[in-house]
PDB file of N, CA and C in Angstrom:
ATOM      1  N   UNK A   1      86.678  99.860  84.049  1.00  0.00           N
ATOM      2  CA  UNK A   1      86.950  98.741  85.135  1.00  0.00           C
ATOM      3  C   UNK A   1      87.194  98.990  86.477  1.00  0.00           C
ATOM      4  N   UNK A   2      86.595  98.282  87.409  1.00  0.00           N
ATOM      5  CA  UNK A   2      86.555  98.841  88.820  1.00  0.00           C
ATOM      6  C   UNK A   2      87.966  98.379  89.413  1.00  0.00           C
ATOM      7  N   UNK A   3      88.599  99.380  90.091  1.00  0.00           N
ATOM      8  CA  UNK A   3      89.773  99.008  90.772  1.00  0.00           C
ATOM      9  C   UNK A   3      89.701  98.096  92.009  1.00  0.00           C
ATOM     10  N   UNK A   4      90.289  96.861  91.929  1.00  0.00           N
ATOM     11  CA  UNK A   4      90.292  95.992  92.948  1.00  0.00           C
ATOM     12  C   UNK A   4      90.931  96.492  94.160  1.00  0.00           C
ATOM     13  N   UNK A   5      90.291  96.538  95.277  1.00  0.00           N
ATOM     14  CA  UNK A   5      90.938  97.222  96.442  1.00  0.00           C
ATOM     15  C   UNK A   5      90.821  96.294  97.665  1.00  0.00           C
ATOM     16  N   UNK A   6      91.999  96.471  98.462  1.00  0.00           N
ATOM     17  CA  UNK A   6      92.275  95.749  99.610  1.00  0.00           C
ATOM     18  C   UNK A   6      92.204  96.959 100.738  1.00  0.00           C
ATOM     19  N   UNK A   7      91.192  96.717 101.697  1.00  0.00           N
ATOM     20  CA  UNK A   7      91.073  97.601 102.841  1.00  0.00           C
ATOM     21  C   UNK A   7      91.580  97.089 104.110  1.00  0.00           C
ATOM     22  N   UNK A   8      92.718  97.764 104.686  1.00  0.00           N
ATOM     23  CA  UNK A   8      93.254  97.381 105.783  1.00  0.00           C
ATOM     24  C   UNK A   8      93.169  98.300 107.068  1.00  0.00           C
ATOM     25  N   UNK A   9      92.338  97.814 108.100  1.00  0.00           N
ATOM     26  CA  UNK A   9      92.279  98.584 109.406  1.00  0.00           C
ATOM     27  C   UNK A   9      91.764  97.659 110.320  1.00  0.00           C
ATOM     28  N   UNK A  10      92.340  97.902 111.651  1.00  0.00           N
ATOM     29  CA  UNK A  10      92.116  96.988 112.677  1.00  0.00           C
ATOM     30  C   UNK A  10      90.500  97.223 113.316  1.00  0.00           C
ATOM     31  N   UNK A  11      89.955  98.389 112.800  1.00  0.00           N
ATOM     32  CA  UNK A  11      88.529  98.609 113.262  1.00  0.00           C
ATOM     33  C   UNK A  11      87.654  98.446 112.161  1.00  0.00           C
ATOM     34  N   UNK A  12      86.748  97.367 112.449  1.00  0.00           N
ATOM     35  CA  UNK A  12      85.776  97.043 111.371  1.00  0.00           C
ATOM     36  C   UNK A  12      85.033  98.130 110.879  1.00  0.00           C
ATOM     37  N   UNK A  13      84.636  99.046 111.771  1.00  0.00           N
ATOM     38  CA  UNK A  13      83.731 100.101 111.345  1.00  0.00           C
ATOM     39  C   UNK A  13      84.512 101.210 110.459  1.00  0.00           C
ATOM     40  N   UNK A  14      85.772 101.248 110.510  1.00  0.00           N
ATOM     41  CA  UNK A  14      86.656 102.072 109.673  1.00  0.00           C
ATOM     42  C   UNK A  14      86.674 101.437 108.306  1.00  0.00           C
ATOM     43  N   UNK A  15      86.871 100.090 108.221  1.00  0.00           N
ATOM     44  CA  UNK A  15      86.897  99.283 107.029  1.00  0.00           C
ATOM     45  C   UNK A  15      85.502  99.550 106.197  1.00  0.00           C
ATOM     46  N   UNK A  16      84.392  99.346 106.996  1.00  0.00           N
ATOM     47  CA  UNK A  16      83.109  99.639 106.428  1.00  0.00           C
ATOM     48  C   UNK A  16      82.867 101.216 105.863  1.00  0.00           C
ATOM     49  N   UNK A  17      83.400 102.119 106.650  1.00  0.00           N
ATOM     50  CA  UNK A  17      83.373 103.412 106.362  1.00  0.00           C
ATOM     51  C   UNK A  17      84.011 103.683 104.919  1.00  0.00           C
ATOM     52  N   UNK A  18      85.192 103.037 104.878  1.00  0.00           N
ATOM     53  CA  UNK A  18      85.956 103.294 103.426  1.00  0.00           C
ATOM     54  C   UNK A  18      85.160 102.556 102.499  1.00  0.00           C
ATOM     55  N   UNK A  19      84.688 101.318 102.585  1.00  0.00           N
ATOM     56  CA  UNK A  19      83.940 100.626 101.725  1.00  0.00           C
ATOM     57  C   UNK A  19      82.786 101.605 101.232  1.00  0.00           C
ATOM     58  N   UNK A  20      82.029 102.148 102.088  1.00  0.00           N
ATOM     59  CA  UNK A  20      80.703 102.912 101.803  1.00  0.00           C
ATOM     60  C   UNK A  20      81.266 104.164 101.122  1.00  0.00           C
ATOM     61  N   UNK A  21      82.475 104.773 101.150  1.00  0.00           N
ATOM     62  CA  UNK A  21      82.807 105.861 100.474  1.00  0.00           C
ATOM     63  C   UNK A  21      83.272 105.539  99.012  1.00  0.00           C
ATOM     64  N   UNK A  22      83.969 104.442  98.896  1.00  0.00           N
ATOM     65  CA  UNK A  22      84.725 104.103  97.695  1.00  0.00           C
ATOM     66  C   UNK A  22      83.801 103.232  96.657  1.00  0.00           C
ATOM     67  N   UNK A  23      83.017 102.467  97.184  1.00  0.00           N
ATOM     68  CA  UNK A  23      82.320 101.460  96.167  1.00  0.00           C
ATOM     69  C   UNK A  23      81.487 102.206  95.259  1.00  0.00           C
ATOM     70  N   UNK A  24      80.705 103.234  95.725  1.00  0.00           N
ATOM     71  CA  UNK A  24      79.985 103.852  94.755  1.00  0.00           C
ATOM     72  C   UNK A  24      80.669 104.670  93.756  1.00  0.00           C
ATOM     73  N   UNK A  25      81.981 104.901  94.012  1.00  0.00           N
ATOM     74  CA  UNK A  25      82.795 105.754  93.171  1.00  0.00           C
ATOM     75  C   UNK A  25      83.646 104.763  92.169  1.00  0.00           C
ATOM     76  N   UNK A  26      83.258 103.496  92.018  1.00  0.00           N
ATOM     77  CA  UNK A  26      83.757 102.717  91.039  1.00  0.00           C
ATOM     78  C   UNK A  26      84.982 101.758  91.593  1.00  0.00           C
ATOM     79  N   UNK A  27      85.068 101.722  92.919  1.00  0.00           N
ATOM     80  CA  UNK A  27      86.130 100.769  93.592  1.00  0.00           C
ATOM     81  C   UNK A  27      85.393  99.570  93.936  1.00  0.00           C
ATOM     82  N   UNK A  28      86.092  98.382  93.881  1.00  0.00           N
ATOM     83  CA  UNK A  28      85.646  97.083  94.193  1.00  0.00           C
ATOM     84  C   UNK A  28      86.329  96.544  95.389  1.00  0.00           C
ATOM     85  N   UNK A  29      85.817  96.743  96.657  1.00  0.00           N
ATOM     86  CA  UNK A  29      86.606  96.180  97.685  1.00  0.00           C
ATOM     87  C   UNK A  29      86.610  94.552  97.642  1.00  0.00           C
ATOM     88  N   UNK A  30      87.532  93.974  97.189  1.00  0.00           N
ATOM     89  CA  UNK A  30      87.788  92.500  97.111  1.00  0.00           C
ATOM     90  C   UNK A  30      88.131  91.833  98.251  1.00  0.00           C
ATOM     91  N   UNK A  31      88.745  92.364  99.166  1.00  0.00           N
ATOM     92  CA  UNK A  31      89.193  91.814 100.475  1.00  0.00           C
ATOM     93  C   UNK A  31      89.469  92.818 101.531  1.00  0.00           C
ATOM     94  N   UNK A  32      89.156  92.490 102.783  1.00  0.00           N
ATOM     95  CA  UNK A  32      89.729  93.339 103.906  1.00  0.00           C
ATOM     96  C   UNK A  32      90.566  92.658 104.785  1.00  0.00           C
ATOM     97  N   UNK A  33      91.240  93.382 105.736  1.00  0.00           N
ATOM     98  CA  UNK A  33      92.271  92.737 106.538  1.00  0.00           C
ATOM     99  C   UNK A  33      92.329  93.597 107.938  1.00  0.00           C
ATOM    100  N   UNK A  34      92.396  92.972 108.925  1.00  0.00           N
ATOM    101  CA  UNK A  34      92.322  93.672 110.294  1.00  0.00           C
ATOM    102  C   UNK A  34      93.803  93.939 110.876  1.00  0.00           C
ATOM    103  N   UNK A  35      94.933  93.591 110.327  1.00  0.00           N
ATOM    104  CA  UNK A  35      96.111  93.884 110.693  1.00  0.00           C
ATOM    105  C   UNK A  35      97.183  93.644 109.486  1.00  0.00           C
ATOM    106  N   UNK A  36      98.432  94.125 109.828  1.00  0.00           N
ATOM    107  CA  UNK A  36      99.311  94.072 108.748  1.00  0.00           C
ATOM    108  C   UNK A  36      99.699  92.716 108.172  1.00  0.00           C
ATOM    109  N   UNK A  37      99.859  91.753 109.171  1.00  0.00           N
ATOM    110  CA  UNK A  37     100.091  90.431 108.750  1.00  0.00           C
ATOM    111  C   UNK A  37      99.004  89.775 107.841  1.00  0.00           C
ATOM    112  N   UNK A  38      97.851  90.003 108.170  1.00  0.00           N
ATOM    113  CA  UNK A  38      96.609  89.606 107.225  1.00  0.00           C
ATOM    114  C   UNK A  38      96.735  90.353 105.985  1.00  0.00           C
ATOM    115  N   UNK A  39      97.077  91.582 106.026  1.00  0.00           N
ATOM    116  CA  UNK A  39      97.130  92.479 104.706  1.00  0.00           C
ATOM    117  C   UNK A  39      98.158  91.719 103.652  1.00  0.00           C
ATOM    118  N   UNK A  40      99.285  91.318 104.186  1.00  0.00           N
ATOM    119  CA  UNK A  40     100.223  90.971 103.241  1.00  0.00           C
ATOM    120  C   UNK A  40      99.737  89.460 102.772  1.00  0.00           C
ATOM    121  N   UNK A  41      99.138  88.692 103.491  1.00  0.00           N
ATOM    122  CA  UNK A  41      98.666  87.490 103.051  1.00  0.00           C
ATOM    123  C   UNK A  41      97.500  87.803 101.875  1.00  0.00           C
ATOM    124  N   UNK A  42      96.545  88.653 102.297  1.00  0.00           N
ATOM    125  CA  UNK A  42      95.476  89.082 101.256  1.00  0.00           C
ATOM    126  C   UNK A  42      96.192  89.827  99.975  1.00  0.00           C
ATOM    127  N   UNK A  43      97.137  90.476 100.158  1.00  0.00           N
ATOM    128  CA  UNK A  43      97.817  91.128  98.939  1.00  0.00           C
ATOM    129  C   UNK A  43      98.304  89.975  97.935  1.00  0.00           C
ATOM    130  N   UNK A  44      98.891  88.902  98.691  1.00  0.00           N
ATOM    131  CA  UNK A  44      99.545  87.839  97.921  1.00  0.00           C
ATOM    132  C   UNK A  44      98.335  87.029  97.198  1.00  0.00           C
ATOM    133  N   UNK A  45      97.273  86.697  97.890  1.00  0.00           N
ATOM    134  CA  UNK A  45      96.141  86.103  97.378  1.00  0.00           C
ATOM    135  C   UNK A  45      95.256  86.883  96.354  1.00  0.00           C
ATOM    136  N   UNK A  46      95.039  88.133  96.530  1.00  0.00           N
ATOM    137  CA  UNK A  46      94.207  88.784  95.653  1.00  0.00           C
ATOM    138  C   UNK A  46      94.886  89.762  94.721  1.00  0.00           C
ATOM    139  N   UNK A  47      96.053  90.130  94.670  1.00  0.00           N
ATOM    140  CA  UNK A  47      96.779  91.019  94.092  1.00  0.00           C
ATOM    141  C   UNK A  47      95.948  92.262  93.574  1.00  0.00           C
ATOM    142  N   UNK A  48      95.508  93.062  94.644  1.00  0.00           N
ATOM    143  CA  UNK A  48      94.537  94.126  94.409  1.00  0.00           C
ATOM    144  C   UNK A  48      95.493  95.239  93.546  1.00  0.00           C
ATOM    145  N   UNK A  49      94.407  96.151  92.876  1.00  0.00           N
ATOM    146  CA  UNK A  49      95.049  97.205  92.231  1.00  0.00           C
ATOM    147  C   UNK A  49      95.512  98.452  93.264  1.00  0.00           C
ATOM    148  N   UNK A  50      94.826  98.383  94.371  1.00  0.00           N
ATOM    149  CA  UNK A  50      95.224  99.519  95.301  1.00  0.00           C
ATOM    150  C   UNK A  50      94.843  99.042  96.707  1.00  0.00           C
ATOM    151  N   UNK A  51      95.674  99.605  97.622  1.00  0.00           N
ATOM    152  CA  UNK A  51      95.426  99.231  99.226  1.00  0.00           C
ATOM    153  C   UNK A  51      95.246 100.437  99.895  1.00  0.00           C
ATOM    154  N   UNK A  52      94.285 100.407 100.923  1.00  0.00           N
ATOM    155  CA  UNK A  52      94.280 101.467 101.845  1.00  0.00           C
ATOM    156  C   UNK A  52      94.831 100.786 103.066  1.00  0.00           C
ATOM    157  N   UNK A  53      95.793 101.433 103.720  1.00  0.00           N
ATOM    158  CA  UNK A  53      96.460 100.863 104.913  1.00  0.00           C
ATOM    159  C   UNK A  53      96.428 101.671 106.154  1.00  0.00           C
ATOM    160  N   UNK A  54      95.988 101.188 107.106  1.00  0.00           N
ATOM    161  CA  UNK A  54      95.880 101.931 108.490  1.00  0.00           C
ATOM    162  C   UNK A  54      97.306 101.720 108.960  1.00  0.00           C
ATOM    163  N   UNK A  55      97.785 102.826 109.796  1.00  0.00           N
ATOM    164  CA  UNK A  55      99.243 102.654 110.100  1.00  0.00           C
ATOM    165  C   UNK A  55      99.466 101.910 111.355  1.00  0.00           C
ATOM    166  N   UNK A  56      98.579 102.290 112.451  1.00  0.00           N
ATOM    167  CA  UNK A  56      98.910 101.753 113.692  1.00  0.00           C
ATOM    168  C   UNK A  56      97.843 100.436 114.084  1.00  0.00           C
ATOM    169  N   UNK A  57      98.394  99.181 113.947  1.00  0.00           N
ATOM    170  CA  UNK A  57      97.559  98.123 114.091  1.00  0.00           C
ATOM    171  C   UNK A  57      98.349  97.021 114.953  1.00  0.00           C
ATOM    172  N   UNK A  58      97.426  96.094 115.620  1.00  0.00           N
ATOM    173  CA  UNK A  58      98.163  94.955 116.245  1.00  0.00           C
ATOM    174  C   UNK A  58      98.960  94.057 115.342  1.00  0.00           C
ATOM    175  N   UNK A  59      99.676  93.243 115.972  1.00  0.00           N
ATOM    176  CA  UNK A  59     100.412  92.219 115.237  1.00  0.00           C
ATOM    177  C   UNK A  59     101.559  92.724 114.363  1.00  0.00           C
ATOM    178  N   UNK A  60     101.138  93.496 113.356  1.00  0.00           N
ATOM    179  CA  UNK A  60     101.990  94.144 112.440  1.00  0.00           C
ATOM    180  C   UNK A  60     101.652  95.443 112.001  1.00  0.00           C
ATOM    181  N   UNK A  61     102.384  96.346 112.102  1.00  0.00           N
ATOM    182  CA  UNK A  61     101.907  97.839 111.647  1.00  0.00           C
ATOM    183  C   UNK A  61     101.900  97.916 110.168  1.00  0.00           C
ATOM    184  N   UNK A  62     101.203  98.898 109.789  1.00  0.00           N
ATOM    185  CA  UNK A  62     100.928  99.277 108.428  1.00  0.00           C
ATOM    186  C   UNK A  62     102.254  99.493 107.814  1.00  0.00           C
ATOM    187  N   UNK A  63     103.175 100.175 108.593  1.00  0.00           N
ATOM    188  CA  UNK A  63     104.564 100.369 107.725  1.00  0.00           C
ATOM    189  C   UNK A  63     105.299  99.105 107.492  1.00  0.00           C
ATOM    190  N   UNK A  64     105.254  98.213 108.438  1.00  0.00           N
ATOM    191  CA  UNK A  64     105.858  96.894 108.291  1.00  0.00           C
ATOM    192  C   UNK A  64     105.110  96.114 107.022  1.00  0.00           C
ATOM    193  N   UNK A  65     103.883  96.225 106.984  1.00  0.00           N
ATOM    194  CA  UNK A  65     103.116  95.533 105.957  1.00  0.00           C
ATOM    195  C   UNK A  65     103.443  96.304 104.613  1.00  0.00           C
ATOM    196  N   UNK A  66     103.557  97.592 104.540  1.00  0.00           N
ATOM    197  CA  UNK A  66     103.925  98.296 103.288  1.00  0.00           C
ATOM    198  C   UNK A  66     105.389  97.788 102.895  1.00  0.00           C
ATOM    199  N   UNK A  67     106.213  97.694 103.781  1.00  0.00           N
ATOM    200  CA  UNK A  67     107.646  97.143 103.366  1.00  0.00           C
ATOM    201  C   UNK A  67     107.553  95.781 102.751  1.00  0.00           C
ATOM    202  N   UNK A  68     106.734  94.843 103.264  1.00  0.00           N
ATOM    203  CA  UNK A  68     106.674  93.468 102.818  1.00  0.00           C
ATOM    204  C   UNK A  68     105.961  93.461 101.408  1.00  0.00           C
ATOM    205  N   UNK A  69     104.750  94.334 101.424  1.00  0.00           N
ATOM    206  CA  UNK A  69     104.128  94.318 100.053  1.00  0.00           C
ATOM    207  C   UNK A  69     104.923  94.783  98.946  1.00  0.00           C
ATOM    208  N   UNK A  70     105.608  95.958  99.201  1.00  0.00           N
ATOM    209  CA  UNK A  70     106.600  96.459  98.337  1.00  0.00           C
ATOM    210  C   UNK A  70     107.603  95.426  97.773  1.00  0.00           C
ATOM    211  N   UNK A  71     108.096  94.611  98.562  1.00  0.00           N
ATOM    212  CA  UNK A  71     108.977  93.600  98.415  1.00  0.00           C
ATOM    213  C   UNK A  71     108.449  92.727  97.387  1.00  0.00           C
ATOM    214  N   UNK A  72     107.112  92.244  97.533  1.00  0.00           N
ATOM    215  CA  UNK A  72     106.370  91.334  96.582  1.00  0.00           C
ATOM    216  C   UNK A  72     106.042  92.043  95.310  1.00  0.00           C
ATOM    217  N   UNK A  73     105.677  93.229  95.533  1.00  0.00           N
ATOM    218  CA  UNK A  73     105.294  93.945  94.181  1.00  0.00           C
ATOM    219  C   UNK A  73     105.763  95.417  94.339  1.00  0.00           C
ATOM    220  N   UNK A  74     107.004  95.892  93.655  1.00  0.00           N
ATOM    221  CA  UNK A  74     107.406  97.186  93.830  1.00  0.00           C
ATOM    222  C   UNK A  74     106.625  98.336  93.363  1.00  0.00           C
ATOM    223  N   UNK A  75     105.602  97.791  92.433  1.00  0.00           N
ATOM    224  CA  UNK A  75     104.696  98.866  91.937  1.00  0.00           C
ATOM    225  C   UNK A  75     103.320  98.700  92.636  1.00  0.00           C
ATOM    226  N   UNK A  76     103.420  98.297  93.724  1.00  0.00           N
ATOM    227  CA  UNK A  76     102.058  98.269  94.491  1.00  0.00           C
ATOM    228  C   UNK A  76     101.642  99.552  94.775  1.00  0.00           C
ATOM    229  N   UNK A  77     100.240  99.960  94.779  1.00  0.00           N
ATOM    230  CA  UNK A  77      99.806 101.250  95.061  1.00  0.00           C
ATOM    231  C   UNK A  77      99.144 101.089  96.388  1.00  0.00           C
ATOM    232  N   UNK A  78      99.648 101.806  97.374  1.00  0.00           N
ATOM    233  CA  UNK A  78      99.222 101.710  98.838  1.00  0.00           C
ATOM    234  C   UNK A  78      99.015 103.082  99.360  1.00  0.00           C
ATOM    235  N   UNK A  79      97.775 103.490  99.735  1.00  0.00           N
ATOM    236  CA  UNK A  79      97.450 104.825 100.420  1.00  0.00           C
ATOM    237  C   UNK A  79      97.279 104.615 101.927  1.00  0.00           C
ATOM    238  N   UNK A  80      98.106 105.259 102.756  1.00  0.00           N
ATOM    239  CA  UNK A  80      98.090 105.201 104.180  1.00  0.00           C
ATOM    240  C   UNK A  80      96.993 105.947 104.732  1.00  0.00           C
ATOM    241  N   UNK A  81      96.254 105.338 105.896  1.00  0.00           N
ATOM    242  CA  UNK A  81      95.239 106.073 106.633  1.00  0.00           C
ATOM    243  C   UNK A  81      95.833 106.523 107.870  1.00  0.00           C
ATOM    244  N   UNK A  82      95.888 107.801 108.103  1.00  0.00           N
ATOM    245  CA  UNK A  82      96.559 108.115 109.223  1.00  0.00           C
ATOM    246  C   UNK A  82      95.739 109.034 110.098  1.00  0.00           C
ATOM    247  N   UNK A  83      95.789 109.185 111.504  1.00  0.00           N
ATOM    248  CA  UNK A  83      95.108 110.023 112.243  1.00  0.00           C
ATOM    249  C   UNK A  83      95.960 111.264 112.335  1.00  0.00           C
ATOM    250  N   UNK A  84      95.330 112.274 112.727  1.00  0.00           N
ATOM    251  CA  UNK A  84      96.037 113.516 112.835  1.00  0.00           C
ATOM    252  C   UNK A  84      97.216 113.299 113.881  1.00  0.00           C
ATOM    253  N   UNK A  85      98.394 114.030 113.608  1.00  0.00           N
ATOM    254  CA  UNK A  85      99.476 113.878 114.555  1.00  0.00           C
ATOM    255  C   UNK A  85     100.468 112.707 114.271  1.00  0.00           C
ATOM    256  N   UNK A  86     100.105 111.998 113.269  1.00  0.00           N
ATOM    257  CA  UNK A  86     100.956 110.827 112.851  1.00  0.00           C
ATOM    258  C   UNK A  86     101.914 111.137 111.672  1.00  0.00           C
ATOM    259  N   UNK A  87     102.124 112.521 111.638  1.00  0.00           N
ATOM    260  CA  UNK A  87     103.099 112.890 110.330  1.00  0.00           C
ATOM    261  C   UNK A  87     104.419 111.964 110.307  1.00  0.00           C
ATOM    262  N   UNK A  88     104.912 111.780 111.270  1.00  0.00           N
ATOM    263  CA  UNK A  88     106.383 111.113 111.258  1.00  0.00           C
ATOM    264  C   UNK A  88     106.045 109.585 110.794  1.00  0.00           C
ATOM    265  N   UNK A  89     105.114 109.020 111.178  1.00  0.00           N
ATOM    266  CA  UNK A  89     104.728 107.694 110.716  1.00  0.00           C
ATOM    267  C   UNK A  89     104.328 107.701 109.242  1.00  0.00           C
ATOM    268  N   UNK A  90     103.622 108.737 108.839  1.00  0.00           N
ATOM    269  CA  UNK A  90     103.286 108.765 107.400  1.00  0.00           C
ATOM    270  C   UNK A  90     104.510 108.928 106.653  1.00  0.00           C
ATOM    271  N   UNK A  91     105.553 109.761 107.085  1.00  0.00           N
ATOM    272  CA  UNK A  91     106.551 109.911 106.333  1.00  0.00           C
ATOM    273  C   UNK A  91     107.527 108.717 106.070  1.00  0.00           C
ATOM    274  N   UNK A  92     107.460 107.842 107.335  1.00  0.00           N
ATOM    275  CA  UNK A  92     108.105 106.615 107.318  1.00  0.00           C
ATOM    276  C   UNK A  92     107.559 105.643 106.342  1.00  0.00           C
ATOM    277  N   UNK A  93     106.102 105.809 106.164  1.00  0.00           N
ATOM    278  CA  UNK A  93     105.394 104.786 105.430  1.00  0.00           C
ATOM    279  C   UNK A  93     105.755 105.299 103.766  1.00  0.00           C
ATOM    280  N   UNK A  94     105.767 106.518 103.559  1.00  0.00           N
ATOM    281  CA  UNK A  94     106.021 107.040 102.157  1.00  0.00           C
ATOM    282  C   UNK A  94     107.404 106.489 101.828  1.00  0.00           C
ATOM    283  N   UNK A  95     108.333 106.545 102.761  1.00  0.00           N
ATOM    284  CA  UNK A  95     109.703 106.277 102.512  1.00  0.00           C
ATOM    285  C   UNK A  95     109.746 104.673 102.157  1.00  0.00           C
ATOM    286  N   UNK A  96     108.898 103.898 102.852  1.00  0.00           N
ATOM    287  CA  UNK A  96     108.860 102.561 102.681  1.00  0.00           C
ATOM    288  C   UNK A  96     108.313 102.092 101.282  1.00  0.00           C
ATOM    289  N   UNK A  97     107.500 103.176 100.613  1.00  0.00           N
ATOM    290  CA  UNK A  97     107.041 102.748  99.299  1.00  0.00           C
ATOM    291  C   UNK A  97     105.644 103.074  99.198  1.00  0.00           C
ATOM    292  N   UNK A  98     105.004 103.678 100.248  1.00  0.00           N
ATOM    293  CA  UNK A  98     103.474 103.931 100.160  1.00  0.00           C
ATOM    294  C   UNK A  98     103.402 105.050  99.026  1.00  0.00           C
ATOM    295  N   UNK A  99     102.224 105.159  98.303  1.00  0.00           N
ATOM    296  CA  UNK A  99     101.991 106.135  97.202  1.00  0.00           C
ATOM    297  C   UNK A  99     101.563 107.448  97.812  1.00  0.00           C
ATOM    298  N   UNK A 100     100.686 107.408  98.815  1.00  0.00           N
ATOM    299  CA  UNK A 100     100.037 108.689  99.386  1.00  0.00           C
ATOM    300  C   UNK A 100      99.442 108.313 100.675  1.00  0.00           C
ATOM    301  N   UNK A 101      98.701 109.308 101.180  1.00  0.00           N
ATOM    302  CA  UNK A 101      97.924 109.159 102.495  1.00  0.00           C
ATOM    303  C   UNK A 101      96.630 109.907 102.532  1.00  0.00           C
ATOM    304  N   UNK A 102      95.792 109.449 103.354  1.00  0.00           N
ATOM    305  CA  UNK A 102      94.525 110.092 103.709  1.00  0.00           C
ATOM    306  C   UNK A 102      94.495 110.384 105.223  1.00  0.00           C
ATOM    307  N   UNK A 103      93.854 111.356 105.640  1.00  0.00           N
ATOM    308  CA  UNK A 103      93.769 111.588 106.997  1.00  0.00           C
ATOM    309  C   UNK A 103      92.392 111.405 107.640  1.00  0.00           C
ATOM    310  N   UNK A 104      92.304 110.727 108.851  1.00  0.00           N
ATOM    311  CA  UNK A 104      90.996 110.504 109.510  1.00  0.00           C
ATOM    312  C   UNK A 104      90.785 111.755 110.354  1.00  0.00           C
ATOM    313  N   UNK A 105      89.615 112.290 110.432  1.00  0.00           N
ATOM    314  CA  UNK A 105      88.313 111.652 109.873  1.00  0.00           C
ATOM    315  C   UNK A 105      88.453 111.805 108.542  1.00  0.00           C
ATOM    316  N   UNK A 106      87.956 110.983 107.751  1.00  0.00           N
ATOM    317  CA  UNK A 106      87.958 110.967 106.260  1.00  0.00           C
ATOM    318  C   UNK A 106      86.870 111.929 105.674  1.00  0.00           C
ATOM    319  N   UNK A 107      87.345 112.771 104.661  1.00  0.00           N
ATOM    320  CA  UNK A 107      86.523 113.556 103.920  1.00  0.00           C
ATOM    321  C   UNK A 107      86.290 112.681 102.554  1.00  0.00           C
ATOM    322  N   UNK A 108      85.051 112.204 102.440  1.00  0.00           N
ATOM    323  CA  UNK A 108      84.866 111.275 101.158  1.00  0.00           C
ATOM    324  C   UNK A 108      85.568 111.727  99.900  1.00  0.00           C
ATOM    325  N   UNK A 109      85.281 112.968  99.449  1.00  0.00           N
ATOM    326  CA  UNK A 109      85.735 113.467  98.165  1.00  0.00           C
ATOM    327  C   UNK A 109      87.366 113.399  98.202  1.00  0.00           C
ATOM    328  N   UNK A 110      88.140 113.669  99.457  1.00  0.00           N
ATOM    329  CA  UNK A 110      89.570 113.538  99.426  1.00  0.00           C
ATOM    330  C   UNK A 110      90.003 112.121  99.212  1.00  0.00           C
ATOM    331  N   UNK A 111      89.233 111.196  99.888  1.00  0.00           N
ATOM    332  CA  UNK A 111      89.649 109.802  99.860  1.00  0.00           C
ATOM    333  C   UNK A 111      89.583 109.408  98.478  1.00  0.00           C
ATOM    334  N   UNK A 112      88.618 109.479  97.654  1.00  0.00           N
ATOM    335  CA  UNK A 112      88.290 109.117  96.307  1.00  0.00           C
ATOM    336  C   UNK A 112      89.456 109.743  95.426  1.00  0.00           C
ATOM    337  N   UNK A 113      89.561 111.114  95.448  1.00  0.00           N
ATOM    338  CA  UNK A 113      90.571 111.770  94.582  1.00  0.00           C
ATOM    339  C   UNK A 113      92.086 111.271  94.951  1.00  0.00           C
ATOM    340  N   UNK A 114      92.261 110.963  96.204  1.00  0.00           N
ATOM    341  CA  UNK A 114      93.797 110.373  96.573  1.00  0.00           C
ATOM    342  C   UNK A 114      93.887 109.042  95.922  1.00  0.00           C
ATOM    343  N   UNK A 115      92.789 108.223  96.093  1.00  0.00           N
ATOM    344  CA  UNK A 115      93.041 106.782  95.495  1.00  0.00           C
ATOM    345  C   UNK A 115      93.181 106.757  94.007  1.00  0.00           C
ATOM    346  N   UNK A 116      92.397 107.561  93.462  1.00  0.00           N
ATOM    347  CA  UNK A 116      92.409 107.673  91.908  1.00  0.00           C
ATOM    348  C   UNK A 116      93.774 108.280  91.404  1.00  0.00           C
ATOM    349  N   UNK A 117      94.310 109.160  92.114  1.00  0.00           N
ATOM    350  CA  UNK A 117      95.558 109.841  91.915  1.00  0.00           C
ATOM    351  C   UNK A 117      96.659 108.741  92.056  1.00  0.00           C
ATOM    352  N   UNK A 118      96.553 108.001  93.130  1.00  0.00           N
ATOM    353  CA  UNK A 118      97.619 106.895  93.326  1.00  0.00           C
ATOM    354  C   UNK A 118      97.541 105.861  92.220  1.00  0.00           C
ATOM    355  N   UNK A 119      96.380 105.556  91.786  1.00  0.00           N
ATOM    356  CA  UNK A 119      96.274 104.549  90.689  1.00  0.00           C
ATOM    357  C   UNK A 119      96.923 105.053  89.452  1.00  0.00           C
ATOM    358  N   UNK A 120      96.765 106.382  89.135  1.00  0.00           N
ATOM    359  CA  UNK A 120      97.279 106.938  87.897  1.00  0.00           C
ATOM    360  C   UNK A 120      98.817 107.134  87.796  1.00  0.00           C
ATOM    361  N   UNK A 121      99.467 107.097  89.121  1.00  0.00           N
ATOM    362  CA  UNK A 121     100.851 107.411  89.130  1.00  0.00           C
ATOM    363  C   UNK A 121     101.598 106.144  88.506  1.00  0.00           C
ATOM    364  N   UNK A 122     102.537 106.533  87.594  1.00  0.00           N
ATOM    365  CA  UNK A 122     103.284 105.443  87.003  1.00  0.00           C
ATOM    366  C   UNK A 122     104.594 105.103  87.700  1.00  0.00           C
ATOM    367  N   UNK A 123     105.002 103.944  87.605  1.00  0.00           N
ATOM    368  CA  UNK A 123     106.086 103.630  88.530  1.00  0.00           C
ATOM    369  C   UNK A 123     107.474 104.100  87.895  1.00  0.00           C
TER     370      UNK A 123
END
């Protein structure tokens, strides 16, 4: 079964890049969001198996979105997408309930391995 995926990033080219990396590897991007607020709404509507979440976005940060999604579903699988130098933000996101993280620029193999690992984690 394909893992239903929510891809969240304020840059459409980044969402497209993630889609191009993961869809051939058995992930199904069912919905995308351009900011944290939209991500929370999309999560409620689509109940994806896994979420890729950018950290720095307008309206609502990825960290705030993680907190809200984890309140909705404590078992949610969320993988943060961070730029180099965002270690403090990544740690905050992991404390808030994110499963793992990937670093931009993305290495396709690492993205797929990290997402699969997050899906396999038991609560």
